[in-house]
Amino acid sequence: MEIRDLKRLARFSQEKMAKIPVFDSPYMFYDLYALLPGQAQKVHAHEGADKVYCVLEGEVVVQVGEEEALLAPGMAALAEAGKPHGVRNESASPALLLVVMAPRP
């Protein structure tokens, strides 16, 4: 069994959003995204793979297609395969998200 301590894995970078691998398999990936205020993941799309953003700490704005939503801890958003998506931290506090994508692109 593989176990990870998410709090110990979390790290922030002043340069850009940190993408921290937690679990990785040929079928999916499971990452932490750590965003300081003002950091973002640019809008992009994946054909054939769904992505879920789940907020653990802080607040982020998630964009999926033309829609945007403010997510707080305990909230999650689905970006279906082929839909443009991204996330940004417009708050004054750091944000930490779990991000799962399957199948792995």
Protein backbone atom coordinates (compact mmCIF):
# COMPACT_ATOMS: atom_id res chain seq x y z
CA MET A 1 0.00 0.00 0.00
CA GLU A 2 1.27 3.46 -0.85
CA ILE A 3 0.50 6.27 1.60
CA ARG A 4 1.39 9.95 1.25
CA ASP A 5 1.25 12.77 3.80
CA LEU A 6 -0.17 15.64 1.75
CA LYS A 7 0.79 18.33 4.29
CA ARG A 8 4.43 17.21 4.18
CA LEU A 9 4.46 17.10 0.37
CA ALA A 10 3.02 20.60 -0.05
CA ARG A 11 5.49 23.28 -1.12
CA PHE A 12 5.07 26.68 -2.70
CA SER A 13 7.29 28.38 -5.25
CA GLN A 14 7.67 32.13 -5.67
CA GLU A 15 8.29 31.67 -9.41
CA LYS A 16 5.16 29.74 -10.47
CA MET A 17 2.42 27.38 -9.36
CA ALA A 18 3.95 24.21 -7.88
CA LYS A 19 2.69 20.91 -9.29
CA ILE A 20 3.59 18.14 -6.83
CA PRO A 21 3.09 14.48 -7.83
CA VAL A 22 1.35 12.40 -5.16
CA PHE A 23 0.43 9.21 -7.03
CA ASP A 24 1.16 8.37 -10.65
CA SER A 25 0.10 5.34 -12.64
CA PRO A 26 -0.40 4.48 -16.30
CA TYR A 27 -4.14 5.12 -15.75
CA MET A 28 -4.29 8.41 -13.82
CA PHE A 29 -2.35 11.06 -11.99
CA TYR A 30 -3.05 12.55 -8.58
CA ASP A 31 -1.23 15.81 -7.84
CA LEU A 32 -1.15 18.70 -5.41
CA TYR A 33 -1.24 22.17 -6.92
CA ALA A 34 0.16 24.89 -4.66
CA LEU A 35 -0.65 28.45 -5.72
CA LEU A 36 0.53 31.60 -4.04
CA PRO A 37 -1.58 34.76 -4.48
CA GLY A 38 -1.56 35.83 -8.12
CA GLN A 39 -0.39 32.47 -9.49
CA ALA A 40 -2.34 30.53 -12.11
CA GLN A 41 -2.43 27.51 -14.35
CA LYS A 42 -3.09 28.79 -17.84
CA VAL A 43 -6.23 27.61 -19.60
CA HIS A 44 -5.64 24.47 -21.65
CA ALA A 45 -7.47 21.27 -22.67
CA HIS A 46 -6.89 17.51 -22.68
CA GLU A 47 -8.61 15.34 -25.25
CA GLY A 48 -9.75 12.04 -23.78
CA ALA A 49 -9.07 12.82 -20.09
CA ASP A 50 -11.23 14.33 -17.34
CA LYS A 51 -9.70 16.48 -14.58
CA VAL A 52 -11.05 17.23 -11.10
CA TYR A 53 -9.88 20.19 -9.02
CA CYS A 54 -10.57 19.83 -5.26
CA VAL A 55 -9.66 22.67 -2.89
CA LEU A 56 -7.98 21.71 0.38
CA GLU A 57 -6.91 25.18 1.57
CA GLY A 58 -7.54 28.74 0.41
CA GLU A 59 -9.75 29.86 -2.46
CA VAL A 60 -9.29 29.66 -6.23
CA VAL A 61 -11.17 30.62 -9.35
CA VAL A 62 -11.64 27.63 -11.65
CA GLN A 63 -12.50 28.10 -15.31
CA VAL A 64 -14.09 25.31 -17.34
CA GLY A 65 -15.14 26.27 -20.84
CA GLU A 66 -16.67 29.74 -20.61
CA GLU A 67 -17.77 29.31 -16.98
CA GLU A 68 -15.87 30.44 -13.88
CA ALA A 69 -16.51 29.65 -10.23
CA LEU A 70 -14.93 30.54 -6.89
CA LEU A 71 -14.07 27.38 -4.98
CA ALA A 72 -13.43 27.22 -1.23
CA PRO A 73 -12.12 24.30 0.87
CA GLY A 74 -14.19 21.16 0.41
CA MET A 75 -15.42 22.21 -3.04
CA ALA A 76 -14.51 20.46 -6.30
CA ALA A 77 -14.99 21.15 -10.01
CA LEU A 78 -14.97 18.77 -12.99
CA ALA A 79 -13.31 19.69 -16.28
CA GLU A 80 -14.57 17.15 -18.79
CA ALA A 81 -12.29 15.89 -21.54
CA GLY A 82 -11.77 18.40 -24.33
CA LYS A 83 -13.06 21.42 -22.37
CA PRO A 84 -10.59 24.27 -21.82
CA HIS A 85 -9.81 24.63 -18.11
CA GLY A 86 -7.48 26.37 -15.69
CA VAL A 87 -7.22 27.66 -12.15
CA ARG A 88 -5.98 30.89 -10.56
CA ASN A 89 -5.50 32.27 -7.08
CA GLU A 90 -6.95 35.79 -6.90
CA SER A 91 -7.01 35.80 -3.09
CA ALA A 92 -4.45 37.18 -0.62
CA SER A 93 -3.70 33.69 0.81
CA PRO A 94 -1.99 30.57 -0.53
CA ALA A 95 -4.19 27.82 -1.99
CA LEU A 96 -3.68 24.06 -2.06
CA LEU A 97 -5.62 21.74 -4.36
CA LEU A 98 -5.84 18.03 -5.09
CA VAL A 99 -5.98 17.44 -8.83
CA VAL A 100 -6.87 14.10 -10.40
CA MET A 101 -6.83 13.32 -14.11
CA ALA A 102 -7.94 10.08 -15.72
CA PRO A 103 -7.25 8.43 -17.94
CA ARG A 104 -3.68 9.68 -17.97
CA PRO A 105 -3.03 11.68 -21.14
